[in-house]
Amino acid sequence: MSLHWWTIEVLDGPHSSASRWRDAHQETMVSAAVSFGAREWHWQTFGWGVLFEVAFDSEETWPEFRALPAVRAALDAVPDPVNGLLIYPGRGGSAGRVQPRRPRPTAGAGAVPLPREEPPSRVTLATAEPAPTAAGVTV
C-alpha cells in the first residue's frame, strides 16, 4: 500500500510566529485529516516555521481535504499570507535529498581569482665585446 504524502509549510511572519499558528489550528487540521482518512501525519517545528505532513491512501483525497472550509480558514490565517505558505506533494523540510548536494563555488571575498596569463617576456641577445681601457689596450 502506497501512501500519498502532502506537506504544508507555514513560515514565521513579521508579527506572529508559525508555532502560534500551529497551537491555534493543530486540532482542526488533524481532525479534518483523520476524518478524510489520513493514515499518518507529523508536525515538525523549525527555527523558521512549522511543517504539517499528512499521508492519504489515494491522491483523490487531498483536493477534498484541501477544500474543507475549516482547512481553508486555517490556511488563510497563516502569519505571512503572501510569502509564508507553501503546499506541495511529498514529504518536505527534513526529508533530505536522495543524492548529496554538489559543492557550489565560493562567492565574494573567498573566491579564487581567475588565472591570468603572464605577458610574454622578450629576450634580446647582445654580443659581448671587451670594454676599451684608458691606454687603448684591451684586456
N, C-alpha and C. Protein backbone atom coordinates (compact mmCIF):
# COMPACT_ATOMS: atom_id res chain seq x y z
N MET A 1 0.84 -1.18 0.00
CA MET A 1 0.00 0.00 0.00
C MET A 1 0.89 1.24 0.00
N SER A 2 0.64 2.11 -0.95
CA SER A 2 1.43 3.31 -1.09
C SER A 2 0.68 4.50 -0.52
N LEU A 3 1.38 5.28 0.27
CA LEU A 3 0.77 6.49 0.84
C LEU A 3 1.13 7.69 -0.01
N HIS A 4 0.20 8.61 -0.11
CA HIS A 4 0.40 9.84 -0.87
C HIS A 4 0.58 10.99 0.13
N TRP A 5 1.82 11.45 0.25
CA TRP A 5 2.16 12.48 1.23
C TRP A 5 1.96 13.87 0.64
N TRP A 6 1.55 14.79 1.50
CA TRP A 6 1.46 16.21 1.18
C TRP A 6 2.08 16.99 2.34
N THR A 7 2.71 18.10 2.01
CA THR A 7 3.36 18.93 3.03
C THR A 7 2.80 20.34 2.98
N ILE A 8 2.52 20.87 4.15
CA ILE A 8 2.12 22.27 4.31
C ILE A 8 3.20 22.92 5.16
N GLU A 9 3.90 23.89 4.59
CA GLU A 9 4.93 24.65 5.32
C GLU A 9 4.35 26.00 5.67
N VAL A 10 4.45 26.37 6.91
CA VAL A 10 4.00 27.68 7.37
C VAL A 10 5.22 28.40 7.94
N LEU A 11 5.55 29.53 7.33
CA LEU A 11 6.72 30.30 7.74
C LEU A 11 6.32 31.38 8.74
N ASP A 12 7.29 31.76 9.58
CA ASP A 12 7.04 32.83 10.54
C ASP A 12 6.73 34.13 9.80
N GLY A 13 5.87 34.93 10.39
CA GLY A 13 5.51 36.21 9.81
C GLY A 13 6.18 37.35 10.54
N PRO A 14 5.97 38.57 10.08
CA PRO A 14 6.61 39.72 10.73
C PRO A 14 6.07 40.02 12.13
N HIS A 15 4.82 39.63 12.40
CA HIS A 15 4.21 39.97 13.69
C HIS A 15 3.78 38.76 14.51
N SER A 16 3.88 37.57 13.94
CA SER A 16 3.44 36.37 14.63
C SER A 16 4.28 35.18 14.18
N SER A 17 4.36 34.17 15.03
CA SER A 17 5.17 33.01 14.69
C SER A 17 4.30 31.87 14.17
N ALA A 18 4.91 30.99 13.42
CA ALA A 18 4.20 29.83 12.90
C ALA A 18 3.85 28.86 14.03
N SER A 19 4.63 28.85 15.08
CA SER A 19 4.31 27.99 16.23
C SER A 19 2.99 28.39 16.88
N ARG A 20 2.73 29.68 16.95
CA ARG A 20 1.44 30.14 17.50
C ARG A 20 0.30 29.74 16.57
N TRP A 21 0.55 29.79 15.24
CA TRP A 21 -0.46 29.35 14.28
C TRP A 21 -0.74 27.86 14.48
N ARG A 22 0.32 27.08 14.70
CA ARG A 22 0.14 25.65 14.94
C ARG A 22 -0.69 25.41 16.19
N ASP A 23 -0.38 26.12 17.27
CA ASP A 23 -1.13 25.96 18.51
C ASP A 23 -2.63 26.25 18.30
N ALA A 24 -2.93 27.22 17.46
CA ALA A 24 -4.32 27.61 17.25
C ALA A 24 -5.06 26.67 16.31
N HIS A 25 -4.36 26.07 15.32
CA HIS A 25 -5.04 25.32 14.27
C HIS A 25 -4.67 23.85 14.20
N GLN A 26 -3.87 23.38 15.11
CA GLN A 26 -3.42 21.98 15.08
C GLN A 26 -4.60 21.01 15.19
N GLU A 27 -5.46 21.23 16.13
CA GLU A 27 -6.58 20.32 16.35
C GLU A 27 -7.51 20.28 15.13
N THR A 28 -7.77 21.42 14.54
CA THR A 28 -8.63 21.50 13.36
C THR A 28 -8.02 20.74 12.19
N MET A 29 -6.71 20.95 11.94
CA MET A 29 -6.05 20.32 10.80
C MET A 29 -6.00 18.79 10.97
N VAL A 30 -5.66 18.34 12.17
CA VAL A 30 -5.54 16.89 12.40
C VAL A 30 -6.90 16.22 12.35
N SER A 31 -7.92 16.82 12.97
CA SER A 31 -9.24 16.19 12.96
C SER A 31 -9.83 16.16 11.55
N ALA A 32 -9.57 17.19 10.75
CA ALA A 32 -10.04 17.18 9.36
C ALA A 32 -9.31 16.12 8.56
N ALA A 33 -8.01 15.98 8.78
CA ALA A 33 -7.24 14.96 8.07
C ALA A 33 -7.70 13.56 8.44
N VAL A 34 -7.91 13.31 9.71
CA VAL A 34 -8.35 11.98 10.16
C VAL A 34 -9.75 11.67 9.62
N SER A 35 -10.62 12.66 9.60
CA SER A 35 -11.99 12.43 9.09
C SER A 35 -12.00 12.13 7.60
N PHE A 36 -10.95 12.54 6.88
CA PHE A 36 -10.84 12.24 5.46
C PHE A 36 -9.92 11.06 5.19
N GLY A 37 -9.56 10.30 6.22
CA GLY A 37 -8.83 9.06 6.02
C GLY A 37 -7.32 9.17 6.04
N ALA A 38 -6.77 10.16 6.70
CA ALA A 38 -5.32 10.28 6.78
C ALA A 38 -4.75 9.09 7.55
N ARG A 39 -3.71 8.48 7.02
CA ARG A 39 -3.07 7.33 7.66
C ARG A 39 -1.96 7.77 8.60
N GLU A 40 -1.24 8.81 8.23
CA GLU A 40 -0.16 9.33 9.07
C GLU A 40 -0.14 10.84 8.96
N TRP A 41 0.35 11.49 10.01
CA TRP A 41 0.57 12.92 9.99
C TRP A 41 1.66 13.25 10.98
N HIS A 42 2.41 14.29 10.68
CA HIS A 42 3.51 14.71 11.55
C HIS A 42 3.58 16.24 11.56
N TRP A 43 3.84 16.76 12.74
CA TRP A 43 4.13 18.18 12.90
C TRP A 43 5.61 18.30 13.23
N GLN A 44 6.28 19.22 12.60
CA GLN A 44 7.69 19.48 12.90
C GLN A 44 7.87 20.98 13.05
N THR A 45 8.61 21.35 14.07
CA THR A 45 8.87 22.76 14.32
C THR A 45 10.34 23.06 14.03
N PHE A 46 10.57 24.14 13.30
CA PHE A 46 11.92 24.58 12.96
C PHE A 46 12.09 26.03 13.39
N GLY A 47 13.27 26.56 13.25
CA GLY A 47 13.51 27.95 13.61
C GLY A 47 12.82 28.93 12.68
N TRP A 48 12.46 28.53 11.50
CA TRP A 48 11.83 29.40 10.52
C TRP A 48 10.32 29.19 10.41
N GLY A 49 9.78 28.12 11.02
CA GLY A 49 8.35 27.87 10.92
C GLY A 49 8.00 26.44 11.29
N VAL A 50 6.86 25.96 10.78
CA VAL A 50 6.41 24.60 11.08
C VAL A 50 6.03 23.87 9.79
N LEU A 51 6.08 22.53 9.88
CA LEU A 51 5.65 21.66 8.80
C LEU A 51 4.51 20.79 9.29
N PHE A 52 3.53 20.61 8.43
CA PHE A 52 2.47 19.63 8.68
C PHE A 52 2.50 18.68 7.50
N GLU A 53 2.92 17.44 7.76
CA GLU A 53 2.98 16.42 6.72
C GLU A 53 1.84 15.45 6.96
N VAL A 54 1.08 15.17 5.91
CA VAL A 54 -0.07 14.29 6.04
C VAL A 54 -0.08 13.31 4.87
N ALA A 55 -0.46 12.04 5.16
CA ALA A 55 -0.47 10.99 4.14
C ALA A 55 -1.87 10.40 4.03
N PHE A 56 -2.33 10.30 2.78
CA PHE A 56 -3.62 9.69 2.49
C PHE A 56 -3.40 8.43 1.65
N ASP A 57 -4.44 7.57 1.60
CA ASP A 57 -4.36 6.34 0.80
C ASP A 57 -4.42 6.63 -0.69
N SER A 58 -5.18 7.64 -1.09
CA SER A 58 -5.33 7.92 -2.52
C SER A 58 -5.05 9.39 -2.79
N GLU A 59 -4.69 9.67 -4.04
CA GLU A 59 -4.43 11.05 -4.44
C GLU A 59 -5.69 11.89 -4.47
N GLU A 60 -6.83 11.26 -4.71
CA GLU A 60 -8.08 11.99 -4.84
C GLU A 60 -8.56 12.58 -3.52
N THR A 61 -8.05 12.09 -2.41
CA THR A 61 -8.49 12.57 -1.10
C THR A 61 -7.95 13.97 -0.80
N TRP A 62 -6.76 14.29 -1.31
CA TRP A 62 -6.14 15.57 -0.99
C TRP A 62 -6.98 16.77 -1.41
N PRO A 63 -7.49 16.85 -2.65
CA PRO A 63 -8.28 18.04 -3.01
C PRO A 63 -9.54 18.20 -2.15
N GLU A 64 -10.13 17.07 -1.75
CA GLU A 64 -11.31 17.15 -0.90
C GLU A 64 -10.95 17.69 0.48
N PHE A 65 -9.82 17.22 1.02
CA PHE A 65 -9.34 17.72 2.32
C PHE A 65 -9.00 19.20 2.23
N ARG A 66 -8.32 19.59 1.17
CA ARG A 66 -7.86 20.98 0.98
C ARG A 66 -9.04 21.94 0.82
N ALA A 67 -10.17 21.44 0.28
CA ALA A 67 -11.33 22.28 0.02
C ALA A 67 -12.23 22.46 1.24
N LEU A 68 -11.96 21.75 2.32
CA LEU A 68 -12.79 21.91 3.52
C LEU A 68 -12.73 23.35 4.02
N PRO A 69 -13.87 23.91 4.43
CA PRO A 69 -13.86 25.29 4.94
C PRO A 69 -12.95 25.48 6.15
N ALA A 70 -12.88 24.51 7.04
CA ALA A 70 -12.02 24.64 8.22
C ALA A 70 -10.55 24.67 7.82
N VAL A 71 -10.17 23.85 6.85
CA VAL A 71 -8.77 23.83 6.38
C VAL A 71 -8.45 25.12 5.65
N ARG A 72 -9.35 25.56 4.79
CA ARG A 72 -9.12 26.83 4.07
C ARG A 72 -9.00 28.00 5.04
N ALA A 73 -9.84 28.01 6.07
CA ALA A 73 -9.77 29.09 7.07
C ALA A 73 -8.45 29.06 7.83
N ALA A 74 -7.98 27.87 8.17
CA ALA A 74 -6.70 27.75 8.87
C ALA A 74 -5.55 28.22 7.98
N LEU A 75 -5.58 27.85 6.71
CA LEU A 75 -4.51 28.25 5.80
C LEU A 75 -4.57 29.74 5.48
N ASP A 76 -5.75 30.32 5.50
CA ASP A 76 -5.88 31.77 5.31
C ASP A 76 -5.35 32.55 6.50
N ALA A 77 -5.21 31.90 7.65
CA ALA A 77 -4.80 32.59 8.87
C ALA A 77 -3.30 32.46 9.16
N VAL A 78 -2.50 32.03 8.19
CA VAL A 78 -1.06 31.89 8.44
C VAL A 78 -0.46 33.26 8.75
N PRO A 79 0.66 33.30 9.49
CA PRO A 79 1.24 34.58 9.89
C PRO A 79 1.66 35.49 8.73
N ASP A 80 2.14 34.91 7.63
CA ASP A 80 2.52 35.70 6.46
C ASP A 80 1.75 35.16 5.26
N PRO A 81 0.56 35.71 4.96
CA PRO A 81 -0.27 35.14 3.91
C PRO A 81 0.29 35.30 2.50
N VAL A 82 1.23 36.20 2.30
CA VAL A 82 1.77 36.42 0.95
C VAL A 82 2.91 35.44 0.66
N ASN A 83 3.88 35.35 1.54
CA ASN A 83 5.06 34.52 1.30
C ASN A 83 5.24 33.39 2.31
N GLY A 84 4.32 33.22 3.22
CA GLY A 84 4.54 32.30 4.32
C GLY A 84 3.82 30.98 4.25
N LEU A 85 3.32 30.59 3.08
CA LEU A 85 2.60 29.32 2.97
C LEU A 85 3.06 28.58 1.73
N LEU A 86 3.55 27.37 1.93
CA LEU A 86 3.98 26.52 0.81
C LEU A 86 3.26 25.18 0.96
N ILE A 87 2.63 24.74 -0.12
CA ILE A 87 1.93 23.45 -0.13
C ILE A 87 2.41 22.68 -1.34
N TYR A 88 2.86 21.44 -1.13
CA TYR A 88 3.37 20.65 -2.23
C TYR A 88 3.25 19.17 -1.92
N PRO A 89 3.22 18.33 -2.98
CA PRO A 89 3.15 16.89 -2.76
C PRO A 89 4.48 16.34 -2.26
N GLY A 90 4.42 15.27 -1.50
CA GLY A 90 5.63 14.65 -0.98
C GLY A 90 5.95 15.16 0.41
N ARG A 91 6.97 14.56 0.98
CA ARG A 91 7.42 14.99 2.29
C ARG A 91 8.38 16.14 2.12
N GLY A 92 8.42 17.01 3.09
CA GLY A 92 9.26 18.19 2.95
C GLY A 92 10.08 18.49 4.17
N GLY A 93 10.82 19.58 4.06
CA GLY A 93 11.59 20.06 5.20
C GLY A 93 12.73 19.16 5.58
N SER A 94 12.46 18.13 6.35
CA SER A 94 13.52 17.28 6.88
C SER A 94 13.68 15.99 6.10
N ALA A 95 13.00 15.84 4.97
CA ALA A 95 13.07 14.58 4.24
C ALA A 95 14.45 14.36 3.64
N GLY A 96 15.17 15.41 3.36
CA GLY A 96 16.51 15.27 2.82
C GLY A 96 16.50 14.96 1.34
N ARG A 97 17.68 14.97 0.77
CA ARG A 97 17.83 14.68 -0.66
C ARG A 97 18.24 13.24 -0.84
N VAL A 98 17.88 12.69 -1.99
CA VAL A 98 18.26 11.33 -2.30
C VAL A 98 19.76 11.28 -2.61
N GLN A 99 20.25 12.29 -3.30
CA GLN A 99 21.67 12.36 -3.64
C GLN A 99 22.29 13.54 -2.90
N PRO A 100 23.57 13.43 -2.54
CA PRO A 100 24.19 14.56 -1.85
C PRO A 100 24.32 15.77 -2.79
N ARG A 101 24.30 16.92 -2.20
CA ARG A 101 24.43 18.14 -3.00
C ARG A 101 25.86 18.32 -3.46
N ARG A 102 26.00 18.88 -4.66
CA ARG A 102 27.33 19.19 -5.16
C ARG A 102 27.80 20.49 -4.53
N PRO A 103 29.08 20.62 -4.27
CA PRO A 103 29.56 21.88 -3.68
C PRO A 103 29.42 23.03 -4.68
N ARG A 104 29.02 24.16 -4.18
CA ARG A 104 28.88 25.34 -5.02
C ARG A 104 30.16 26.15 -4.96
N PRO A 105 30.45 26.92 -6.00
CA PRO A 105 31.65 27.76 -5.95
C PRO A 105 31.51 28.84 -4.89
N THR A 106 32.60 29.17 -4.27
CA THR A 106 32.60 30.20 -3.24
C THR A 106 32.43 31.56 -3.91
N ALA A 107 31.54 32.35 -3.37
CA ALA A 107 31.30 33.68 -3.94
C ALA A 107 31.89 34.74 -3.02
N GLY A 108 32.17 35.89 -3.59
CA GLY A 108 32.64 37.01 -2.79
C GLY A 108 34.12 36.97 -2.52
N ALA A 109 34.51 37.36 -1.31
CA ALA A 109 35.92 37.50 -0.98
C ALA A 109 36.64 36.16 -0.91
N GLY A 110 35.92 35.07 -0.72
CA GLY A 110 36.57 33.78 -0.62
C GLY A 110 36.78 33.10 -1.96
N ALA A 111 36.40 33.76 -3.04
CA ALA A 111 36.52 33.15 -4.36
C ALA A 111 37.98 33.15 -4.80
N VAL A 112 38.32 32.17 -5.57
CA VAL A 112 39.67 32.08 -6.12
C VAL A 112 39.74 32.99 -7.34
N PRO A 113 40.80 33.80 -7.47
CA PRO A 113 40.89 34.67 -8.63
C PRO A 113 41.08 33.85 -9.91
N LEU A 114 40.59 34.41 -10.99
CA LEU A 114 40.77 33.75 -12.28
C LEU A 114 42.24 33.75 -12.66
N PRO A 115 42.71 32.69 -13.29
CA PRO A 115 44.11 32.67 -13.69
C PRO A 115 44.36 33.71 -14.79
N ARG A 116 45.47 34.40 -14.68
CA ARG A 116 45.84 35.42 -15.67
C ARG A 116 47.07 34.95 -16.41
N GLU A 117 47.07 35.24 -17.69
CA GLU A 117 48.24 34.87 -18.49
C GLU A 117 49.35 35.87 -18.25
N GLU A 118 50.54 35.34 -18.10
CA GLU A 118 51.71 36.20 -17.95
C GLU A 118 52.02 36.84 -19.30
N PRO A 119 52.35 38.13 -19.31
CA PRO A 119 52.72 38.74 -20.59
C PRO A 119 54.01 38.09 -21.10
N PRO A 120 54.08 37.85 -22.39
CA PRO A 120 55.30 37.21 -22.91
C PRO A 120 56.50 38.12 -22.68
N SER A 121 57.58 37.54 -22.22
CA SER A 121 58.79 38.34 -21.97
C SER A 121 59.69 38.25 -23.20
N ARG A 122 60.34 39.37 -23.51
CA ARG A 122 61.26 39.42 -24.64
C ARG A 122 62.67 39.25 -24.14
N VAL A 123 63.35 38.44 -24.84
CA VAL A 123 64.76 38.24 -24.53
C VAL A 123 65.56 38.68 -25.76
N THR A 124 66.44 39.65 -25.56
CA THR A 124 67.32 40.08 -26.66
C THR A 124 68.73 39.67 -26.33
N LEU A 125 69.31 39.05 -27.28
CA LEU A 125 70.69 38.62 -27.10
C LEU A 125 71.62 39.72 -27.60
N ALA A 126 72.61 40.00 -26.85
CA ALA A 126 73.60 41.02 -27.24
C ALA A 126 74.94 40.34 -27.43
N THR A 127 75.72 40.91 -28.27
CA THR A 127 77.07 40.37 -28.46
C THR A 127 77.98 41.02 -27.45
N ALA A 128 78.85 40.26 -26.93
CA ALA A 128 79.78 40.77 -25.91
C ALA A 128 81.07 41.21 -26.57
N GLU A 129 81.45 42.46 -26.33
CA GLU A 129 82.74 42.97 -26.80
C GLU A 129 83.51 43.47 -25.60
N PRO A 130 84.77 43.28 -25.61
CA PRO A 130 85.57 43.76 -24.47
C PRO A 130 85.49 45.28 -24.35
N ALA A 131 85.49 45.74 -23.13
CA ALA A 131 85.45 47.18 -22.89
C ALA A 131 86.81 47.79 -23.15
N PRO A 132 86.81 48.97 -23.77
CA PRO A 132 88.11 49.64 -24.02
C PRO A 132 88.70 50.18 -22.73
N THR A 133 90.01 50.16 -22.63
CA THR A 133 90.71 50.71 -21.46
C THR A 133 91.25 52.07 -21.79
N ALA A 134 91.79 52.77 -20.80
CA ALA A 134 92.28 54.14 -20.98
C ALA A 134 93.49 54.16 -21.89
N ALA A 135 94.31 53.17 -21.89
CA ALA A 135 95.53 53.17 -22.72
C ALA A 135 95.21 52.65 -24.11
N GLY A 136 94.00 52.25 -24.33
CA GLY A 136 93.63 51.73 -25.63
C GLY A 136 93.92 50.27 -25.79
N VAL A 137 94.38 49.66 -24.72
CA VAL A 137 94.68 48.24 -24.75
C VAL A 137 93.49 47.50 -24.15
N THR A 138 93.11 46.52 -24.81
CA THR A 138 92.01 45.74 -24.27
C THR A 138 92.54 44.59 -23.45
N VAL A 139 91.89 44.29 -22.49
CA VAL A 139 92.36 43.23 -21.60
C VAL A 139 91.64 41.95 -21.87
